[in-house]
């Protein structure tokens, strides 16, 4: 399963919560930042495996998660997509567990499981009754060390992944454009290639590539466990030590990657492809959570697209009727600095040039007009509500801790709400002036084949019939 890291685990809830739960949030807001990390226990085994435990006794359930510090950013040109392919192969069995038996065993024990790959990590999880946690523990410990990679499984699964790429990207005009935009936005950083990889790289993969990748990145020194649920840590920890402690630690891979120089001019990508409607996406280079500006950009995102009170909805969708939908998204939890995205679908009869001018106008307004206090506070309330209520499930709590652990350590979670609360109108204006400017952007425009769009006139096209050479 592919996972877009620019979407936080709690952001999905924002629009619903903003409209229905803000009054409750205002009443409890002073105390909501405390509690979660205060209850976390961390242990590091001698082999380097970090264990993050959070007891939650609301129900007799547990989520058991294994996160590896490897994603598409760890790949190299010509070998893209190996992280996602290895995720698929992790279900092909060991000497103890036969092919396709992993998920069946979890289901037989009343649980469910899955996995996902992003630019920055690959994660595996099992959700099940707390009295069955040993089942998940033994299965994960086994495949961390003893995965069997067979040639027949490799060839079959490669075809599955190639078909997945065709369906999700090459046959999806918006996803295709998004991929091309990111490829143009990054010249050096490995964020330039998609998580699933380029098709021509898939054709060149070998079983030896996969075995080497598994040996390099799937070790205790490059992984950590997050377990949240109904258990007692003094009882669970010895069992984890027994299951994982004998694994050789392995070398910790170098996570440093080259970064792009500051952008000095706008990049434009135009794609003509069979589609029902045009589409526009812009990416602005921005910092991640290691820079305080990233929190001002979080609030900026909410001001622009946080529900029906947001500027995009009020101005572009409802009043001017320029867009069917418009959204913004900030890459707070990326390992390396990524992009602040804005995207929109024009209303039928409107073209992307008109819509882009309106989006540019919204960016200019952020730079030139201080946000009013009422609007600023509403955006903060939306973020805070989504953050709090997004932790309602065991899985979400674990994933939130894990994603912060990937970027800067799970304790960074404590910084989130205080940093959001400290954002001022001046901060919004400043970061908009620094990052949300044309020369720092990459623009992608989708024009349905056979249609006319004024923004496509006279623009060099970089569409290559579904191929992107690397």
Protein backbone atom coordinates (compact mmCIF):
# COMPACT_ATOMS: atom_id res chain seq x y z
CA UNK A 1 0.00 0.00 0.00
CA UNK A 2 1.32 3.42 -0.91
CA UNK A 3 1.06 6.25 1.57
CA UNK A 4 1.41 9.95 0.76
CA UNK A 5 3.43 11.29 3.66
CA UNK A 6 2.30 14.83 3.17
CA UNK A 7 -1.06 13.83 4.66
CA UNK A 8 -0.85 13.62 8.43
CA UNK A 9 -2.63 10.90 10.36
CA UNK A 10 -5.05 13.39 11.87
CA UNK A 11 -5.69 15.70 8.92
CA UNK A 12 -8.41 13.45 7.49
CA UNK A 13 -10.67 14.42 10.40
CA UNK A 14 -10.16 18.17 10.14
CA UNK A 15 -13.16 19.31 8.11
CA UNK A 16 -15.68 17.22 10.04
CA UNK A 17 -14.32 18.14 13.43
CA UNK A 18 -13.99 21.81 12.58
CA UNK A 19 -17.71 22.07 11.96
CA UNK A 20 -18.95 20.05 14.93
CA UNK A 21 -16.46 19.92 17.79
CA UNK A 22 -14.80 23.30 18.09
CA UNK A 23 -16.92 24.42 21.04
CA UNK A 24 -15.85 21.34 22.97
CA UNK A 25 -12.22 21.94 22.03
CA UNK A 26 -12.26 25.51 23.29
CA UNK A 27 -13.41 24.22 26.68
CA UNK A 28 -10.66 21.59 26.99
CA UNK A 29 -7.87 23.20 24.92
CA UNK A 30 -5.55 24.28 27.76
CA UNK A 31 -4.88 20.68 28.76
CA UNK A 32 -4.98 18.66 25.56
CA UNK A 33 -1.28 18.75 24.74
CA UNK A 34 -0.36 16.84 27.88
CA UNK A 35 -0.85 13.14 28.40
CA UNK A 36 0.14 11.06 25.37
CA UNK A 37 3.93 11.30 25.46
CA UNK A 38 3.94 11.39 29.27
CA UNK A 39 2.71 7.80 29.21
CA UNK A 40 5.20 6.50 26.64
CA UNK A 41 7.99 4.14 27.68
CA UNK A 42 11.06 3.75 25.47
CA UNK A 43 13.65 0.98 25.53
CA UNK A 44 16.52 0.24 23.15
CA UNK A 45 17.74 -3.36 22.92
CA UNK A 46 21.49 -4.08 22.66
CA UNK A 47 21.03 -4.85 18.93
CA UNK A 48 19.73 -1.32 18.34
CA UNK A 49 16.00 -2.05 18.10
CA UNK A 50 14.02 0.78 19.71
CA UNK A 51 10.78 -0.17 21.46
CA UNK A 52 8.09 2.45 22.05
CA UNK A 53 5.27 1.33 24.35
CA UNK A 54 2.06 3.13 25.27
CA UNK A 55 -0.46 1.49 27.55
CA UNK A 56 -4.11 2.19 26.75
CA UNK A 57 -6.64 0.09 28.64
CA UNK A 58 -9.86 1.39 27.10
CA UNK A 59 -10.48 -1.92 25.32
CA UNK A 60 -8.82 -5.36 25.26
CA UNK A 61 -7.03 -4.56 22.00
CA UNK A 62 -3.52 -3.81 20.81
CA UNK A 63 -1.84 -2.47 17.70
CA UNK A 64 1.60 -3.95 17.07
CA UNK A 65 3.63 -1.97 14.54
CA UNK A 66 7.10 -2.42 13.04
CA UNK A 67 8.54 0.64 11.28
CA UNK A 68 11.66 0.45 9.11
CA UNK A 69 13.59 3.62 8.38
CA UNK A 70 13.56 3.02 4.65
CA UNK A 71 11.41 4.40 1.87
CA UNK A 72 11.82 5.61 -1.66
CA UNK A 73 14.25 8.34 -0.50
CA UNK A 74 16.73 5.54 0.27
CA UNK A 75 16.71 4.27 -3.31
CA UNK A 76 19.01 5.26 -6.14
CA UNK A 77 18.40 6.20 -9.78
CA UNK A 78 17.76 3.08 -11.81
CA UNK A 79 16.59 1.16 -8.73
CA UNK A 80 13.48 3.13 -7.78
CA UNK A 81 10.50 1.34 -6.25
CA UNK A 82 12.44 -1.33 -4.34
CA UNK A 83 11.03 -0.21 -0.96
CA UNK A 84 7.46 -0.75 -2.09
CA UNK A 85 8.30 -4.01 -3.87
CA UNK A 86 9.96 -5.37 -0.72
CA UNK A 87 6.83 -4.47 1.25
CA UNK A 88 4.89 -6.80 -1.06
CA UNK A 89 7.50 -9.55 -0.75
CA UNK A 90 7.43 -9.42 3.06
CA UNK A 91 4.18 -11.41 2.86
CA UNK A 92 5.73 -14.25 0.84
CA UNK A 93 6.83 -16.24 3.85
CA UNK A 94 9.77 -17.64 5.78
CA UNK A 95 10.94 -21.18 6.49
CA UNK A 96 8.41 -21.31 9.33
CA UNK A 97 5.51 -19.47 7.68
CA UNK A 98 4.46 -20.43 4.18
CA UNK A 99 3.64 -17.99 1.35
CA UNK A 100 0.46 -15.96 1.95
CA UNK A 101 0.08 -17.52 5.42
CA UNK A 102 0.99 -14.39 7.39
CA UNK A 103 -2.31 -12.57 6.94
CA UNK A 104 -4.29 -15.78 7.26
CA UNK A 105 -2.78 -16.48 10.68
CA UNK A 106 -3.63 -12.96 11.86
CA UNK A 107 -7.20 -13.31 10.58
CA UNK A 108 -7.59 -16.70 12.25
CA UNK A 109 -6.68 -14.98 15.50
CA UNK A 110 -9.40 -12.36 15.00
CA UNK A 111 -7.13 -9.55 13.84
CA UNK A 112 -6.32 -7.56 10.74
CA UNK A 113 -3.04 -6.42 9.28
CA UNK A 114 -1.52 -4.43 6.44
CA UNK A 115 1.56 -2.44 5.44
CA UNK A 116 2.39 0.84 3.73
CA UNK A 117 5.37 2.50 2.12
CA UNK A 118 6.16 6.19 1.89
CA UNK A 119 9.11 8.29 0.79
CA UNK A 120 10.58 8.01 4.30
CA UNK A 121 9.55 4.69 5.83
CA UNK A 122 7.94 1.27 5.42
CA UNK A 123 5.56 0.14 8.16
CA UNK A 124 3.78 -3.10 9.05
CA UNK A 125 1.01 -3.49 11.59
CA UNK A 126 -1.36 -5.95 13.21
CA UNK A 127 -4.48 -4.99 15.15
CA UNK A 128 -5.84 -7.75 17.36
CA UNK A 129 -6.98 -8.74 20.84
CA UNK A 130 -4.34 -7.99 23.42
CA UNK A 131 -4.19 -11.63 24.54
CA UNK A 132 -3.01 -12.52 21.00
CA UNK A 133 -0.17 -10.02 20.80
CA UNK A 134 2.38 -12.86 20.90
CA UNK A 135 1.12 -14.03 17.51
CA UNK A 136 1.96 -10.71 15.86
CA UNK A 137 5.24 -10.47 17.76
CA UNK A 138 6.48 -13.89 16.63
CA UNK A 139 5.45 -13.36 13.01
CA UNK A 140 7.15 -9.97 12.75
CA UNK A 141 10.31 -11.16 14.49
CA UNK A 142 10.49 -14.11 12.12
CA UNK A 143 10.21 -12.12 8.89
CA UNK A 144 12.57 -9.39 10.08
CA UNK A 145 15.32 -12.01 10.11
CA UNK A 146 14.22 -14.99 8.00
CA UNK A 147 12.34 -13.75 4.94
CA UNK A 148 12.63 -16.18 2.02
CA UNK A 149 12.87 -14.41 -1.35
CA UNK A 150 12.02 -16.79 -4.18
CA UNK A 151 12.44 -16.13 -7.88
CA UNK A 152 8.91 -17.30 -8.76
CA UNK A 153 7.34 -15.03 -6.12
CA UNK A 154 9.53 -12.14 -7.25
CA UNK A 155 8.49 -12.40 -10.91
CA UNK A 156 4.81 -12.76 -10.08
CA UNK A 157 4.77 -9.90 -7.59
CA UNK A 158 6.69 -7.62 -9.92
CA UNK A 159 3.87 -8.01 -12.44
CA UNK A 160 1.37 -7.16 -9.71
CA UNK A 161 3.25 -3.98 -8.81
CA UNK A 162 3.60 -2.97 -12.46
CA UNK A 163 -0.13 -3.34 -12.91
CA UNK A 164 -0.68 -1.34 -9.73
CA UNK A 165 1.38 1.47 -11.25
CA UNK A 166 -0.63 1.37 -14.48
CA UNK A 167 -3.94 1.59 -12.65
CA UNK A 168 -3.03 4.13 -9.97
CA UNK A 169 -0.76 6.45 -11.91
CA UNK A 170 -0.57 6.00 -15.65
CA UNK A 171 -4.35 5.56 -15.99
CA UNK A 172 -5.08 8.28 -13.41
CA UNK A 173 -4.54 11.72 -15.01
CA UNK A 174 -4.31 13.66 -11.75
CA UNK A 175 -1.88 11.19 -10.15
CA UNK A 176 0.18 11.20 -13.34
CA UNK A 177 0.43 15.00 -13.29
CA UNK A 178 1.27 15.04 -9.59
CA UNK A 179 4.12 12.62 -10.23
CA UNK A 180 5.50 14.76 -13.06
CA UNK A 181 5.27 17.91 -10.98
CA UNK A 182 7.30 16.38 -8.15
CA UNK A 183 9.86 15.03 -10.63
CA UNK A 184 10.36 18.58 -11.89
CA UNK A 185 10.36 20.16 -8.42
CA UNK A 186 13.37 18.16 -7.21
CA UNK A 187 16.57 18.00 -9.26
CA UNK A 188 18.83 16.31 -6.68
CA UNK A 189 16.68 15.05 -3.80
CA UNK A 190 15.32 11.47 -4.07
CA UNK A 191 11.84 12.95 -3.54
CA UNK A 192 11.94 13.45 -7.30
CA UNK A 193 10.84 9.87 -8.01
CA UNK A 194 7.56 8.24 -7.01
CA UNK A 195 7.19 5.80 -4.14
CA UNK A 196 6.08 3.04 -6.49
CA UNK A 197 9.05 3.67 -8.77
CA UNK A 198 9.44 4.25 -12.51
CA UNK A 199 8.13 1.55 -14.82
CA UNK A 200 11.44 1.15 -16.65
CA UNK A 201 13.19 0.56 -13.31
CA UNK A 202 10.70 -2.15 -12.40
CA UNK A 203 11.56 -3.96 -15.62
CA UNK A 204 15.23 -3.98 -14.58
CA UNK A 205 14.80 -5.17 -10.99
CA UNK A 206 16.51 -8.43 -10.11
CA UNK A 207 16.04 -10.83 -7.23
CA UNK A 208 19.59 -9.99 -6.19
CA UNK A 209 18.60 -6.29 -5.90
CA UNK A 210 15.81 -7.20 -3.52
CA UNK A 211 17.94 -9.50 -1.38
CA UNK A 212 20.59 -6.83 -1.01
CA UNK A 213 17.98 -4.22 -0.11
CA UNK A 214 16.46 -6.49 2.53
CA UNK A 215 19.88 -7.22 4.04
CA UNK A 216 20.81 -3.53 4.16
CA UNK A 217 17.64 -2.01 5.58
CA UNK A 218 15.69 -4.72 7.41
CA UNK A 219 17.64 -5.01 10.63
CA UNK A 220 16.98 -4.07 14.27
CA UNK A 221 19.38 -1.12 14.00
CA UNK A 222 17.20 0.39 11.26
CA UNK A 223 13.80 -0.40 12.79
CA UNK A 224 11.64 0.35 15.78
CA UNK A 225 8.49 -1.11 17.31
CA UNK A 226 5.47 0.86 18.45
CA UNK A 227 2.94 -1.04 20.55
CA UNK A 228 -0.17 0.68 21.87
CA UNK A 229 -3.01 -0.96 23.74
CA UNK A 230 -4.15 -3.09 26.64
CA UNK A 231 -0.96 -4.55 28.10
CA UNK A 232 1.42 -4.02 31.01
CA UNK A 233 4.83 -2.92 29.80
CA UNK A 234 6.67 -4.79 32.54
CA UNK A 235 5.09 -8.01 31.19
CA UNK A 236 5.29 -7.24 27.48
CA UNK A 237 8.85 -5.96 27.31
CA UNK A 238 10.54 -9.25 28.30
CA UNK A 239 8.52 -11.04 25.61
CA UNK A 240 9.66 -8.53 23.01
CA UNK A 241 13.27 -8.97 24.13
CA UNK A 242 12.94 -12.73 23.73
CA UNK A 243 11.39 -12.45 20.24
CA UNK A 244 13.71 -9.80 18.77
CA UNK A 245 16.73 -9.61 21.07
CA UNK A 246 18.75 -12.40 19.45
CA UNK A 247 18.66 -10.80 15.99
CA UNK A 248 22.02 -9.35 14.88
CA UNK A 249 21.83 -5.57 14.99
CA UNK A 250 23.39 -4.89 11.63
CA UNK A 251 24.90 -1.62 10.48
CA UNK A 252 22.81 1.52 10.71
CA UNK A 253 22.42 2.84 7.13
CA UNK A 254 23.47 6.39 6.34
CA UNK A 255 20.27 8.43 6.03
CA UNK A 256 21.89 11.57 4.64
CA UNK A 257 20.81 12.53 1.12
CA UNK A 258 21.66 15.46 -1.13
CA UNK A 259 19.25 18.39 -1.04
CA UNK A 260 18.21 20.78 -3.77
CA UNK A 261 19.54 24.32 -3.77
CA UNK A 262 17.03 27.11 -3.17
CA UNK A 263 14.76 27.62 -6.18
CA UNK A 264 15.20 30.89 -8.07
CA UNK A 265 12.67 30.53 -10.85
CA UNK A 266 9.31 28.95 -11.46
CA UNK A 267 9.14 25.52 -13.14
CA UNK A 268 6.14 24.57 -15.30
CA UNK A 269 4.92 21.18 -16.45
CA UNK A 270 2.00 20.76 -18.86
CA UNK A 271 0.47 17.33 -19.49
CA UNK A 272 -2.14 16.55 -22.12
CA UNK A 273 -3.95 13.35 -21.27
CA UNK A 274 -7.40 11.86 -21.61
CA UNK A 275 -9.37 13.28 -18.68
CA UNK A 276 -12.80 14.65 -17.85
CA UNK A 277 -11.60 17.91 -16.30
CA UNK A 278 -8.41 19.97 -16.13
CA UNK A 279 -6.35 19.96 -12.95
CA UNK A 280 -3.80 22.31 -11.43
CA UNK A 281 -1.21 21.61 -8.74
CA UNK A 282 1.57 23.80 -7.35
CA UNK A 283 4.41 22.86 -5.05
CA UNK A 284 6.44 25.38 -3.05
CA UNK A 285 9.69 24.27 -1.38
CA UNK A 286 9.30 24.54 2.40
CA UNK A 287 11.04 23.29 5.58
CA UNK A 288 9.90 20.39 7.75
CA UNK A 289 9.23 20.33 11.49
CA UNK A 290 12.88 21.05 12.38
CA UNK A 291 12.20 24.67 11.42
CA UNK A 292 9.62 26.71 13.34
CA UNK A 293 8.38 28.15 10.04
CA UNK A 294 6.83 24.75 9.34
CA UNK A 295 4.24 25.34 12.07
CA UNK A 296 3.25 28.69 10.59
CA UNK A 297 2.80 26.85 7.30
CA UNK A 298 0.55 24.33 9.08
CA UNK A 299 -1.70 27.19 10.14
CA UNK A 300 -1.50 28.67 6.65
CA UNK A 301 -2.76 25.39 5.25
CA UNK A 302 -5.78 25.51 7.56
CA UNK A 303 -6.51 29.14 6.63
CA UNK A 304 -6.50 28.22 2.96
CA UNK A 305 -8.40 24.93 2.98
CA UNK A 306 -9.58 24.02 6.48
CA UNK A 307 -13.24 23.33 5.78
CA UNK A 308 -16.06 25.49 4.44
CA UNK A 309 -14.91 28.56 6.34
CA UNK A 310 -11.55 28.49 4.56
CA UNK A 311 -10.44 31.01 1.95
CA UNK A 312 -10.27 28.53 -0.91
CA UNK A 313 -13.79 27.28 -0.31
CA UNK A 314 -15.37 30.67 0.31
CA UNK A 315 -13.59 32.57 -2.45
CA UNK A 316 -12.89 30.03 -5.19
CA UNK A 317 -15.64 27.45 -4.79
CA UNK A 318 -18.66 29.27 -3.38
CA UNK A 319 -18.37 32.93 -4.38
CA UNK A 320 -16.38 33.08 -7.63
CA UNK A 321 -17.35 29.55 -8.68
CA UNK A 322 -13.97 29.05 -10.27
CA UNK A 323 -13.23 25.66 -8.72
CA UNK A 324 -15.09 22.46 -8.00
CA UNK A 325 -12.57 21.86 -5.24
CA UNK A 326 -9.34 23.38 -3.98
CA UNK A 327 -6.94 22.22 -1.29
CA UNK A 328 -3.65 22.97 0.43
CA UNK A 329 -1.30 20.58 2.22
CA UNK A 330 1.91 21.15 4.17
CA UNK A 331 4.73 18.56 4.35
CA UNK A 332 5.44 18.88 8.06
CA UNK A 333 6.42 15.25 8.75
CA UNK A 334 8.86 14.57 5.93
CA UNK A 335 12.40 13.42 6.69
CA UNK A 336 13.88 16.07 4.39
CA UNK A 337 12.25 19.38 3.44
CA UNK A 338 9.56 18.86 0.82
CA UNK A 339 6.71 20.92 -0.61
CA UNK A 340 3.70 22.98 0.39
CA UNK A 341 1.02 21.92 -2.09
CA UNK A 342 -2.00 23.72 -3.47
CA UNK A 343 -4.28 22.04 -5.98
CA UNK A 344 -7.61 22.73 -7.64
CA UNK A 345 -10.07 21.41 -10.20
CA UNK A 346 -11.68 24.14 -12.34
CA UNK A 347 -15.43 24.42 -12.56
CA UNK A 348 -16.68 23.21 -15.96
CA UNK A 349 -16.42 26.13 -18.37
CA UNK A 350 -13.51 27.69 -16.49
CA UNK A 351 -9.90 27.19 -17.52
CA UNK A 352 -6.76 26.66 -15.50
CA UNK A 353 -5.30 30.06 -16.41
CA UNK A 354 -8.20 31.85 -14.72
CA UNK A 355 -8.03 29.53 -11.74
CA UNK A 356 -4.28 29.93 -11.40
CA UNK A 357 -4.59 33.70 -11.33
CA UNK A 358 -7.10 33.37 -8.50
CA UNK A 359 -4.81 31.01 -6.56
CA UNK A 360 -1.90 33.42 -7.05
CA UNK A 361 -4.16 36.16 -5.74
CA UNK A 362 -4.80 34.17 -2.57
CA UNK A 363 -1.04 33.72 -2.09
CA UNK A 364 -0.48 37.45 -2.64
CA UNK A 365 -3.16 38.26 -0.09
CA UNK A 366 -1.33 36.15 2.51
CA UNK A 367 1.85 38.10 1.81
CA UNK A 368 0.33 41.58 1.88
CA UNK A 369 -2.58 41.44 4.36
CA UNK A 370 -2.22 40.32 7.99
CA UNK A 371 -4.66 37.55 8.87
CA UNK A 372 -7.41 38.76 11.19
CA UNK A 373 -7.29 37.39 14.71
CA UNK A 374 -10.66 35.65 14.41
CA UNK A 375 -9.60 33.79 11.26
CA UNK A 376 -6.24 32.89 12.78
CA UNK A 377 -7.82 31.50 15.93
CA UNK A 378 -10.38 29.52 13.94
CA UNK A 379 -7.58 27.86 11.96
CA UNK A 380 -5.69 27.00 15.14
CA UNK A 381 -8.84 25.53 16.67
CA UNK A 382 -9.38 23.35 13.62
CA UNK A 383 -5.83 22.03 13.78
CA UNK A 384 -6.03 21.40 17.49
CA UNK A 385 -9.36 19.62 17.23
CA UNK A 386 -8.11 17.36 14.47
CA UNK A 387 -4.93 16.66 16.40
CA UNK A 388 -6.77 15.69 19.57
CA UNK A 389 -9.61 13.68 18.10
CA UNK A 390 -7.33 12.10 15.53
CA UNK A 391 -5.75 10.22 18.45
CA UNK A 392 -9.00 8.47 19.26
CA UNK A 393 -7.83 5.05 18.01
CA UNK A 394 -4.92 2.90 19.12
CA UNK A 395 -3.65 2.76 15.56
CA UNK A 396 -3.65 6.54 15.19
CA UNK A 397 -1.79 7.05 18.46
CA UNK A 398 0.87 4.58 17.39
CA UNK A 399 1.20 6.04 13.89
CA UNK A 400 1.49 9.58 15.24
CA UNK A 401 4.30 8.57 17.58
CA UNK A 402 6.01 6.64 14.79
CA UNK A 403 5.89 9.39 12.19
CA UNK A 404 7.45 11.84 14.62
CA UNK A 405 10.04 9.22 15.53
CA UNK A 406 11.01 8.91 11.86
CA UNK A 407 11.59 12.65 11.45
CA UNK A 408 12.98 13.80 14.77
CA UNK A 409 12.03 11.48 17.60
CA UNK A 410 8.62 10.74 19.11
CA UNK A 411 9.14 13.38 21.80
CA UNK A 412 8.84 16.04 19.09
CA UNK A 413 5.12 15.38 19.34
CA UNK A 414 5.13 17.58 22.44
CA UNK A 415 6.16 20.57 20.33
CA UNK A 416 3.19 20.44 17.99
CA UNK A 417 0.34 22.15 19.83
CA UNK A 418 2.51 24.75 21.63
CA UNK A 419 4.11 25.66 18.31
CA UNK A 420 0.72 25.98 16.63
CA UNK A 421 -0.62 28.15 19.45
CA UNK A 422 2.39 30.47 19.19
CA UNK A 423 1.90 31.26 15.49
CA UNK A 424 1.06 34.93 14.91
CA UNK A 425 -0.45 36.83 12.00
CA UNK A 426 3.02 38.24 11.40
CA UNK A 427 4.42 34.70 11.12
CA UNK A 428 1.82 33.85 8.47
CA UNK A 429 2.68 36.93 6.46
CA UNK A 430 6.40 36.29 6.80
CA UNK A 431 6.39 32.64 5.70
CA UNK A 432 4.06 33.43 2.81
CA UNK A 433 6.50 36.08 1.65
CA UNK A 434 9.45 33.75 2.03
CA UNK A 435 8.12 30.46 0.62
CA UNK A 436 4.76 30.92 -1.15
CA UNK A 437 6.15 32.94 -4.04
CA UNK A 438 6.21 32.19 -7.75
CA UNK A 439 9.98 31.81 -8.10
CA UNK A 440 9.91 29.08 -5.41
CA UNK A 441 7.20 27.05 -7.13
CA UNK A 442 6.71 24.21 -9.56
CA UNK A 443 3.41 24.26 -11.45
CA UNK A 444 1.72 21.26 -13.01
CA UNK A 445 -1.25 21.64 -15.36
CA UNK A 446 -3.41 18.85 -16.76
CA UNK A 447 -5.22 19.64 -20.00
CA UNK A 448 -7.72 17.05 -21.23
CA UNK A 449 -6.82 15.86 -24.71
CA UNK A 450 -8.80 17.65 -27.41
CA UNK A 451 -9.58 20.68 -25.25
CA UNK A 452 -8.19 24.20 -25.44
CA UNK A 453 -6.70 25.86 -22.41
CA UNK A 454 -5.06 29.24 -22.59
CA UNK A 455 -2.41 28.25 -20.01
CA UNK A 456 -1.21 25.46 -22.30
CA UNK A 457 -0.51 27.84 -25.17
CA UNK A 458 3.16 28.42 -25.83
CA UNK A 459 4.36 26.33 -22.88
CA UNK A 460 6.98 23.67 -23.50
CA UNK A 461 5.34 20.33 -22.85
CA UNK A 462 7.10 17.53 -20.94
CA UNK A 463 4.57 14.77 -21.50
CA UNK A 464 6.22 11.59 -22.75
CA UNK A 465 3.39 9.10 -23.22
CA UNK A 466 3.67 7.51 -19.80
CA UNK A 467 7.47 7.26 -19.60
CA UNK A 468 9.87 9.17 -17.42
CA UNK A 469 13.46 8.21 -18.03
CA UNK A 470 15.90 7.94 -15.18
